[in-house]
């Protein structure tokens, strides 16, 4: 989801949100006047919307919800502070590097114009910056990163960590996240999420070969063991990669 407003007839991207994140235009959340921001989906989206009046009623009816929403808002404001810092960091190249370090899972999914607007630069500038970063990585270095990256993930079974990120792997391997992002985009031509899910699905297939696992655990539980964070994410990823649902896959392989 992307929020934007207009200044001098120019569209300004104010925030970008991905799966399982709370989002709202805060100026319109509690005020009586319409918000200055508009929010649109830039990918097919399932959205749970709650009207302000309903939310306020829940606060009065369910005391625990006040604590939950407070924690949600704390996270939301931290993100807002991060965004305000991001657009003030150095030149165009530094802003883009800061962005891919903090929002690595989103980089390959977002339209150039959306990211450029968010980082307060022109799309042509962003394209030039991305090319410059690519030229800084020599083919031999990229091949070494590829081999080390794959083996490190498999050896340490990092795909089983459901909140694993480029940032965490970058820190552990002491390789810049820019180089890992470049490897994923230009060599694998996959997002980090799709790349990791490939290993999780392979792990799931390996686990279901053991009849004891199928007798003692549900499909969803086995998927969690393979690193998926939820049943719905697993089903969506499995069907996207295999072309059939996990249920049909099991029916075909386990008469």
C-alpha atoms as a PDB file:
ATOM      1  CA  UNK A   1       0.000   0.000   0.000  1.00  0.00           C
ATOM      2  CA  UNK A   2       1.209   3.515  -0.760  1.00  0.00           C
ATOM      3  CA  UNK A   3       0.114   6.886   0.611  1.00  0.00           C
ATOM      4  CA  UNK A   4       0.614  10.137  -1.220  1.00  0.00           C
ATOM      5  CA  UNK A   5      -0.348  13.792  -1.181  1.00  0.00           C
ATOM      6  CA  UNK A   6       0.136  16.670  -3.618  1.00  0.00           C
ATOM      7  CA  UNK A   7       2.315  19.766  -3.357  1.00  0.00           C
ATOM      8  CA  UNK A   8       2.411  22.295  -6.201  1.00  0.00           C
ATOM      9  CA  UNK A   9       0.657  19.728  -8.420  1.00  0.00           C
ATOM     10  CA  UNK A  10       3.420  17.176  -7.734  1.00  0.00           C
ATOM     11  CA  UNK A  11       2.622  13.783  -6.194  1.00  0.00           C
ATOM     12  CA  UNK A  12       4.647  13.108  -3.041  1.00  0.00           C
ATOM     13  CA  UNK A  13       4.817   9.544  -1.666  1.00  0.00           C
ATOM     14  CA  UNK A  14       4.506   9.807   2.125  1.00  0.00           C
ATOM     15  CA  UNK A  15       4.737   6.164   3.175  1.00  0.00           C
ATOM     16  CA  UNK A  16       4.858   2.589   1.893  1.00  0.00           C
ATOM     17  CA  UNK A  17       3.474  -0.385   3.850  1.00  0.00           C
ATOM     18  CA  UNK A  18       3.796  -4.115   3.213  1.00  0.00           C
ATOM     19  CA  UNK A  19       2.145  -7.297   4.505  1.00  0.00           C
ATOM     20  CA  UNK A  20       0.804  -7.444   8.062  1.00  0.00           C
ATOM     21  CA  UNK A  21       1.509  -3.797   8.835  1.00  0.00           C
ATOM     22  CA  UNK A  22      -0.948  -1.367  10.376  1.00  0.00           C
ATOM     23  CA  UNK A  23      -1.445   1.689   8.231  1.00  0.00           C
ATOM     24  CA  UNK A  24      -3.482   4.848   8.423  1.00  0.00           C
ATOM     25  CA  UNK A  25      -3.353   8.477   7.468  1.00  0.00           C
ATOM     26  CA  UNK A  26      -2.938   9.818  10.969  1.00  0.00           C
ATOM     27  CA  UNK A  27      -4.252  13.246  10.060  1.00  0.00           C
ATOM     28  CA  UNK A  28      -7.585  11.652   9.213  1.00  0.00           C
ATOM     29  CA  UNK A  29      -7.655   8.976  11.893  1.00  0.00           C
ATOM     30  CA  UNK A  30      -9.153  11.089  14.670  1.00  0.00           C
ATOM     31  CA  UNK A  31      -9.819  14.449  13.037  1.00  0.00           C
ATOM     32  CA  UNK A  32     -13.134  15.603  11.628  1.00  0.00           C
ATOM     33  CA  UNK A  33     -11.646  16.932   8.377  1.00  0.00           C
ATOM     34  CA  UNK A  34     -10.665  14.644   5.468  1.00  0.00           C
ATOM     35  CA  UNK A  35      -7.031  13.615   5.383  1.00  0.00           C
ATOM     36  CA  UNK A  36      -4.583  15.276   3.007  1.00  0.00           C
ATOM     37  CA  UNK A  37      -3.206  11.826   2.182  1.00  0.00           C
ATOM     38  CA  UNK A  38      -4.678   9.275  -0.199  1.00  0.00           C
ATOM     39  CA  UNK A  39      -3.875   5.574   0.189  1.00  0.00           C
ATOM     40  CA  UNK A  40      -3.810   3.190  -2.781  1.00  0.00           C
ATOM     41  CA  UNK A  41      -2.849  -0.448  -3.352  1.00  0.00           C
ATOM     42  CA  UNK A  42       0.056  -0.956  -5.746  1.00  0.00           C
ATOM     43  CA  UNK A  43      -0.328  -4.755  -5.562  1.00  0.00           C
ATOM     44  CA  UNK A  44      -3.410  -6.987  -5.220  1.00  0.00           C
ATOM     45  CA  UNK A  45      -4.346  -6.506  -1.582  1.00  0.00           C
ATOM     46  CA  UNK A  46      -6.563  -7.910   1.150  1.00  0.00           C
ATOM     47  CA  UNK A  47      -7.357  -5.031   3.462  1.00  0.00           C
ATOM     48  CA  UNK A  48      -9.188  -5.072   6.786  1.00  0.00           C
ATOM     49  CA  UNK A  49     -10.639  -1.604   7.302  1.00  0.00           C
ATOM     50  CA  UNK A  50     -12.031  -0.339  10.609  1.00  0.00           C
ATOM     51  CA  UNK A  51     -14.029   2.879  10.839  1.00  0.00           C
ATOM     52  CA  UNK A  52     -12.867   5.320  13.523  1.00  0.00           C
ATOM     53  CA  UNK A  53     -16.233   5.246  15.316  1.00  0.00           C
ATOM     54  CA  UNK A  54     -16.074   1.445  15.520  1.00  0.00           C
ATOM     55  CA  UNK A  55     -12.501   1.541  16.804  1.00  0.00           C
ATOM     56  CA  UNK A  56     -13.400   4.055  19.533  1.00  0.00           C
ATOM     57  CA  UNK A  57     -16.303   1.814  20.566  1.00  0.00           C
ATOM     58  CA  UNK A  58     -13.930  -1.138  20.867  1.00  0.00           C
ATOM     59  CA  UNK A  59     -11.656   0.894  23.133  1.00  0.00           C
ATOM     60  CA  UNK A  60     -14.523   1.347  25.577  1.00  0.00           C
ATOM     61  CA  UNK A  61     -15.760  -2.230  25.332  1.00  0.00           C
ATOM     62  CA  UNK A  62     -12.445  -4.101  25.351  1.00  0.00           C
ATOM     63  CA  UNK A  63      -9.853  -2.720  27.761  1.00  0.00           C
ATOM     64  CA  UNK A  64      -7.024  -4.937  26.472  1.00  0.00           C
ATOM     65  CA  UNK A  65      -7.404  -3.416  23.022  1.00  0.00           C
ATOM     66  CA  UNK A  66      -6.146  -0.078  24.347  1.00  0.00           C
ATOM     67  CA  UNK A  67      -2.806  -1.714  25.178  1.00  0.00           C
ATOM     68  CA  UNK A  68      -2.623  -3.569  21.854  1.00  0.00           C
ATOM     69  CA  UNK A  69      -3.313  -0.469  19.785  1.00  0.00           C
ATOM     70  CA  UNK A  70      -0.841   1.527  21.846  1.00  0.00           C
ATOM     71  CA  UNK A  71       1.884  -0.968  20.880  1.00  0.00           C
ATOM     72  CA  UNK A  72       0.743  -0.754  17.242  1.00  0.00           C
ATOM     73  CA  UNK A  73       0.968   3.040  17.337  1.00  0.00           C
ATOM     74  CA  UNK A  74       4.415   2.909  18.937  1.00  0.00           C
ATOM     75  CA  UNK A  75       5.641   0.830  16.004  1.00  0.00           C
ATOM     76  CA  UNK A  76       3.857   3.118  13.557  1.00  0.00           C
ATOM     77  CA  UNK A  77       5.463   6.245  14.961  1.00  0.00           C
ATOM     78  CA  UNK A  78       8.909   4.623  14.946  1.00  0.00           C
ATOM     79  CA  UNK A  79       8.408   3.920  11.254  1.00  0.00           C
ATOM     80  CA  UNK A  80       7.253   7.499  10.687  1.00  0.00           C
ATOM     81  CA  UNK A  81      10.384   8.821  12.404  1.00  0.00           C
ATOM     82  CA  UNK A  82      12.518   6.499  10.273  1.00  0.00           C
ATOM     83  CA  UNK A  83      10.833   7.778   7.118  1.00  0.00           C
ATOM     84  CA  UNK A  84      11.422  11.412   8.046  1.00  0.00           C
ATOM     85  CA  UNK A  85      15.103  10.632   8.653  1.00  0.00           C
ATOM     86  CA  UNK A  86      15.445   8.640   5.430  1.00  0.00           C
ATOM     87  CA  UNK A  87      14.549  11.513   3.107  1.00  0.00           C
ATOM     88  CA  UNK A  88      17.111  13.768   4.805  1.00  0.00           C
ATOM     89  CA  UNK A  89      20.102  11.433   4.499  1.00  0.00           C
ATOM     90  CA  UNK A  90      22.877  12.750   2.251  1.00  0.00           C
ATOM     91  CA  UNK A  91      22.679  12.705  -1.531  1.00  0.00           C
ATOM     92  CA  UNK A  92      20.522  10.535  -3.795  1.00  0.00           C
ATOM     93  CA  UNK A  93      22.884   7.553  -3.610  1.00  0.00           C
ATOM     94  CA  UNK A  94      23.049   7.659   0.200  1.00  0.00           C
ATOM     95  CA  UNK A  95      19.272   7.927   0.493  1.00  0.00           C
ATOM     96  CA  UNK A  96      18.763   4.916  -1.761  1.00  0.00           C
ATOM     97  CA  UNK A  97      21.369   2.864   0.124  1.00  0.00           C
ATOM     98  CA  UNK A  98      19.703   3.769   3.407  1.00  0.00           C
ATOM     99  CA  UNK A  99      16.346   2.729   1.937  1.00  0.00           C
ATOM    100  CA  UNK A 100      17.469  -0.710   0.730  1.00  0.00           C
ATOM    101  CA  UNK A 101      19.169  -1.365   4.066  1.00  0.00           C
ATOM    102  CA  UNK A 102      16.014  -0.605   6.024  1.00  0.00           C
ATOM    103  CA  UNK A 103      13.362  -1.915   3.607  1.00  0.00           C
ATOM    104  CA  UNK A 104      15.227  -4.651   1.768  1.00  0.00           C
ATOM    105  CA  UNK A 105      12.225  -6.923   1.247  1.00  0.00           C
ATOM    106  CA  UNK A 106      10.365  -4.184  -0.642  1.00  0.00           C
ATOM    107  CA  UNK A 107      13.032  -2.959  -3.045  1.00  0.00           C
ATOM    108  CA  UNK A 108      12.347  -5.296  -5.952  1.00  0.00           C
ATOM    109  CA  UNK A 109       8.575  -5.113  -5.652  1.00  0.00           C
ATOM    110  CA  UNK A 110       8.074  -1.369  -5.849  1.00  0.00           C
ATOM    111  CA  UNK A 111       7.707   0.715  -9.013  1.00  0.00           C
ATOM    112  CA  UNK A 112      10.646   3.021  -9.710  1.00  0.00           C
ATOM    113  CA  UNK A 113       8.410   6.097  -9.630  1.00  0.00           C
ATOM    114  CA  UNK A 114       7.036   5.128  -6.217  1.00  0.00           C
ATOM    115  CA  UNK A 115      10.480   4.703  -4.619  1.00  0.00           C
ATOM    116  CA  UNK A 116      11.843   7.837  -6.293  1.00  0.00           C
ATOM    117  CA  UNK A 117       8.960   9.943  -5.008  1.00  0.00           C
ATOM    118  CA  UNK A 118       9.370   8.492  -1.516  1.00  0.00           C
ATOM    119  CA  UNK A 119      13.092   9.345  -1.515  1.00  0.00           C
ATOM    120  CA  UNK A 120      12.491  12.825  -2.915  1.00  0.00           C
ATOM    121  CA  UNK A 121      14.277  12.315  -6.223  1.00  0.00           C
ATOM    122  CA  UNK A 122      13.388  11.972  -9.893  1.00  0.00           C
ATOM    123  CA  UNK A 123      12.875   8.460 -11.390  1.00  0.00           C
ATOM    124  CA  UNK A 124      15.776   9.085 -13.806  1.00  0.00           C
ATOM    125  CA  UNK A 125      18.041   9.840 -10.835  1.00  0.00           C
ATOM    126  CA  UNK A 126      17.043   6.615  -9.097  1.00  0.00           C
ATOM    127  CA  UNK A 127      17.696   4.558 -12.245  1.00  0.00           C
ATOM    128  CA  UNK A 128      21.144   6.143 -12.554  1.00  0.00           C
ATOM    129  CA  UNK A 129      21.938   5.447  -8.880  1.00  0.00           C
ATOM    130  CA  UNK A 130      20.916   1.777  -9.216  1.00  0.00           C
ATOM    131  CA  UNK A 131      23.166   1.387 -12.275  1.00  0.00           C
ATOM    132  CA  UNK A 132      26.080   2.993 -10.429  1.00  0.00           C
ATOM    133  CA  UNK A 133      25.702   0.562  -7.548  1.00  0.00           C
ATOM    134  CA  UNK A 134      25.671  -2.348  -9.998  1.00  0.00           C
ATOM    135  CA  UNK A 135      28.889  -1.208 -11.675  1.00  0.00           C
ATOM    136  CA  UNK A 136      30.646  -1.178  -8.318  1.00  0.00           C
ATOM    137  CA  UNK A 137      30.307  -4.980  -8.089  1.00  0.00           C
ATOM    138  CA  UNK A 138      32.712  -6.904 -10.314  1.00  0.00           C
ATOM    139  CA  UNK A 139      31.534 -10.214 -11.894  1.00  0.00           C
ATOM    140  CA  UNK A 140      34.100 -12.302  -9.971  1.00  0.00           C
ATOM    141  CA  UNK A 141      33.076 -10.690  -6.683  1.00  0.00           C
ATOM    142  CA  UNK A 142      29.405 -11.314  -7.497  1.00  0.00           C
ATOM    143  CA  UNK A 143      30.111 -15.001  -8.160  1.00  0.00           C
ATOM    144  CA  UNK A 144      31.903 -15.324  -4.802  1.00  0.00           C
ATOM    145  CA  UNK A 145      29.023 -13.629  -3.018  1.00  0.00           C
ATOM    146  CA  UNK A 146      26.571 -16.001  -4.747  1.00  0.00           C
ATOM    147  CA  UNK A 147      28.414 -19.136  -3.614  1.00  0.00           C
ATOM    148  CA  UNK A 148      28.903 -17.910  -0.050  1.00  0.00           C
ATOM    149  CA  UNK A 149      25.344 -16.598   0.185  1.00  0.00           C
ATOM    150  CA  UNK A 150      23.695 -19.859  -0.840  1.00  0.00           C
ATOM    151  CA  UNK A 151      25.932 -22.113   1.235  1.00  0.00           C
ATOM    152  CA  UNK A 152      25.574 -19.908   4.314  1.00  0.00           C
ATOM    153  CA  UNK A 153      21.775 -20.023   4.110  1.00  0.00           C
ATOM    154  CA  UNK A 154      21.680 -23.805   3.624  1.00  0.00           C
ATOM    155  CA  UNK A 155      24.375 -24.664   6.173  1.00  0.00           C
ATOM    156  CA  UNK A 156      22.784 -22.564   8.919  1.00  0.00           C
ATOM    157  CA  UNK A 157      19.199 -23.298   7.818  1.00  0.00           C
ATOM    158  CA  UNK A 158      18.426 -19.581   7.932  1.00  0.00           C
ATOM    159  CA  UNK A 159      15.238 -20.166   5.935  1.00  0.00           C
ATOM    160  CA  UNK A 160      13.736 -21.727   9.092  1.00  0.00           C
ATOM    161  CA  UNK A 161      13.856 -18.314  10.791  1.00  0.00           C
ATOM    162  CA  UNK A 162      10.525 -16.781   9.779  1.00  0.00           C
ATOM    163  CA  UNK A 163      11.673 -13.175  10.195  1.00  0.00           C
ATOM    164  CA  UNK A 164      15.021 -13.593   8.459  1.00  0.00           C
ATOM    165  CA  UNK A 165      16.007 -10.560   6.386  1.00  0.00           C
ATOM    166  CA  UNK A 166      18.757  -9.359   4.085  1.00  0.00           C
ATOM    167  CA  UNK A 167      19.826  -6.990   6.812  1.00  0.00           C
ATOM    168  CA  UNK A 168      20.375  -9.843   9.299  1.00  0.00           C
ATOM    169  CA  UNK A 169      22.245 -11.997   6.774  1.00  0.00           C
ATOM    170  CA  UNK A 170      24.318  -9.005   5.687  1.00  0.00           C
ATOM    171  CA  UNK A 171      25.365  -8.381   9.277  1.00  0.00           C
ATOM    172  CA  UNK A 172      26.246 -12.036   9.916  1.00  0.00           C
ATOM    173  CA  UNK A 173      28.148 -12.521   6.656  1.00  0.00           C
ATOM    174  CA  UNK A 174      29.738  -9.056   6.722  1.00  0.00           C
ATOM    175  CA  UNK A 175      28.561  -8.384   3.156  1.00  0.00           C
ATOM    176  CA  UNK A 176      26.765  -5.156   2.347  1.00  0.00           C
ATOM    177  CA  UNK A 177      23.016  -5.536   1.889  1.00  0.00           C
ATOM    178  CA  UNK A 178      23.316  -3.523  -1.348  1.00  0.00           C
ATOM    179  CA  UNK A 179      25.415  -6.314  -2.881  1.00  0.00           C
ATOM    180  CA  UNK A 180      22.996  -9.003  -1.707  1.00  0.00           C
ATOM    181  CA  UNK A 181      20.057  -7.029  -3.109  1.00  0.00           C
ATOM    182  CA  UNK A 182      21.910  -6.622  -6.394  1.00  0.00           C
ATOM    183  CA  UNK A 183      22.607 -10.386  -6.512  1.00  0.00           C
ATOM    184  CA  UNK A 184      18.941 -11.218  -5.970  1.00  0.00           C
ATOM    185  CA  UNK A 185      17.712  -8.693  -8.513  1.00  0.00           C
ATOM    186  CA  UNK A 186      20.201  -9.247 -11.340  1.00  0.00           C
ATOM    187  CA  UNK A 187      21.302 -12.882 -10.938  1.00  0.00           C
ATOM    188  CA  UNK A 188      18.345 -14.738  -9.409  1.00  0.00           C
ATOM    189  CA  UNK A 189      15.761 -12.221 -10.631  1.00  0.00           C
ATOM    190  CA  UNK A 190      13.790 -12.926  -7.473  1.00  0.00           C
ATOM    191  CA  UNK A 191      12.726 -10.994  -4.435  1.00  0.00           C
ATOM    192  CA  UNK A 192      14.354 -12.019  -1.166  1.00  0.00           C
ATOM    193  CA  UNK A 193      11.028 -13.429   0.017  1.00  0.00           C
ATOM    194  CA  UNK A 194      10.639 -15.679  -3.048  1.00  0.00           C
ATOM    195  CA  UNK A 195      14.277 -16.758  -2.839  1.00  0.00           C
ATOM    196  CA  UNK A 196      13.946 -17.845   0.814  1.00  0.00           C
ATOM    197  CA  UNK A 197      10.551 -19.484   0.249  1.00  0.00           C
ATOM    198  CA  UNK A 198      12.169 -21.739  -2.358  1.00  0.00           C
ATOM    199  CA  UNK A 199      14.281 -23.297   0.413  1.00  0.00           C
ATOM    200  CA  UNK A 200      11.328 -23.466   2.798  1.00  0.00           C
ATOM    201  CA  UNK A 201       9.213 -25.342   0.274  1.00  0.00           C
ATOM    202  CA  UNK A 202      12.091 -27.762  -0.402  1.00  0.00           C
ATOM    203  CA  UNK A 203      12.367 -28.302   3.359  1.00  0.00           C
ATOM    204  CA  UNK A 204       8.603 -28.891   3.621  1.00  0.00           C
ATOM    205  CA  UNK A 205       8.781 -31.511   0.853  1.00  0.00           C
ATOM    206  CA  UNK A 206      11.609 -33.235   2.673  1.00  0.00           C
ATOM    207  CA  UNK A 207       9.701 -33.238   5.975  1.00  0.00           C
ATOM    208  CA  UNK A 208       6.543 -34.788   4.515  1.00  0.00           C
ATOM    209  CA  UNK A 209       8.542 -37.709   3.148  1.00  0.00           C
ATOM    210  CA  UNK A 210       8.603 -38.928   6.757  1.00  0.00           C
ATOM    211  CA  UNK A 211       5.269 -40.670   7.390  1.00  0.00           C
ATOM    212  CA  UNK A 212       5.583 -39.949  11.111  1.00  0.00           C
ATOM    213  CA  UNK A 213       5.470 -36.228  10.433  1.00  0.00           C
ATOM    214  CA  UNK A 214       2.225 -36.524   8.468  1.00  0.00           C
ATOM    215  CA  UNK A 215       0.667 -38.732  11.140  1.00  0.00           C
ATOM    216  CA  UNK A 216       1.660 -36.539  14.085  1.00  0.00           C
ATOM    217  CA  UNK A 217       1.496 -33.009  12.678  1.00  0.00           C
ATOM    218  CA  UNK A 218      -0.813 -30.953  10.516  1.00  0.00           C
ATOM    219  CA  UNK A 219       0.366 -29.582   7.193  1.00  0.00           C
ATOM    220  CA  UNK A 220       0.383 -26.078   8.691  1.00  0.00           C
ATOM    221  CA  UNK A 221       2.601 -27.188  11.586  1.00  0.00           C
ATOM    222  CA  UNK A 222       5.096 -28.797   9.209  1.00  0.00           C
ATOM    223  CA  UNK A 223       5.122 -25.577   7.169  1.00  0.00           C
ATOM    224  CA  UNK A 224       5.943 -23.622  10.335  1.00  0.00           C
ATOM    225  CA  UNK A 225       8.823 -26.019  10.998  1.00  0.00           C
ATOM    226  CA  UNK A 226      10.121 -25.229   7.510  1.00  0.00           C
ATOM    227  CA  UNK A 227      10.201 -21.514   8.317  1.00  0.00           C
ATOM    228  CA  UNK A 228       6.865 -20.105   7.173  1.00  0.00           C
ATOM    229  CA  UNK A 229       5.258 -17.643   9.565  1.00  0.00           C
ATOM    230  CA  UNK A 230       1.645 -18.607   8.866  1.00  0.00           C
ATOM    231  CA  UNK A 231      -0.528 -21.134   7.061  1.00  0.00           C
ATOM    232  CA  UNK A 232      -1.886 -18.562   4.592  1.00  0.00           C
ATOM    233  CA  UNK A 233       1.593 -17.346   3.595  1.00  0.00           C
ATOM    234  CA  UNK A 234       2.710 -20.944   3.115  1.00  0.00           C
ATOM    235  CA  UNK A 235      -0.276 -21.858   0.920  1.00  0.00           C
ATOM    236  CA  UNK A 236       0.170 -18.748  -1.225  1.00  0.00           C
ATOM    237  CA  UNK A 237       3.934 -19.307  -1.664  1.00  0.00           C
ATOM    238  CA  UNK A 238       3.520 -23.031  -2.363  1.00  0.00           C
ATOM    239  CA  UNK A 239       0.895 -22.513  -5.059  1.00  0.00           C
ATOM    240  CA  UNK A 240       2.922 -19.706  -6.643  1.00  0.00           C
ATOM    241  CA  UNK A 241       5.982 -21.959  -6.951  1.00  0.00           C
ATOM    242  CA  UNK A 242       4.439 -25.376  -7.564  1.00  0.00           C
ATOM    243  CA  UNK A 243       1.292 -24.396  -9.453  1.00  0.00           C
ATOM    244  CA  UNK A 244      -0.963 -26.491  -7.195  1.00  0.00           C
ATOM    245  CA  UNK A 245      -2.118 -26.270  -3.589  1.00  0.00           C
ATOM    246  CA  UNK A 246      -0.302 -28.206  -0.818  1.00  0.00           C
ATOM    247  CA  UNK A 247      -3.427 -30.358  -0.382  1.00  0.00           C
ATOM    248  CA  UNK A 248      -3.452 -31.407  -4.033  1.00  0.00           C
ATOM    249  CA  UNK A 249       0.303 -31.956  -3.927  1.00  0.00           C
ATOM    250  CA  UNK A 250      -0.108 -34.319  -0.965  1.00  0.00           C
ATOM    251  CA  UNK A 251      -2.952 -36.162  -2.702  1.00  0.00           C
ATOM    252  CA  UNK A 252      -0.759 -36.672  -5.762  1.00  0.00           C
ATOM    253  CA  UNK A 253       2.306 -37.832  -3.835  1.00  0.00           C
ATOM    254  CA  UNK A 254       0.670 -39.672  -0.903  1.00  0.00           C
ATOM    255  CA  UNK A 255      -2.196 -41.929  -2.151  1.00  0.00           C
END
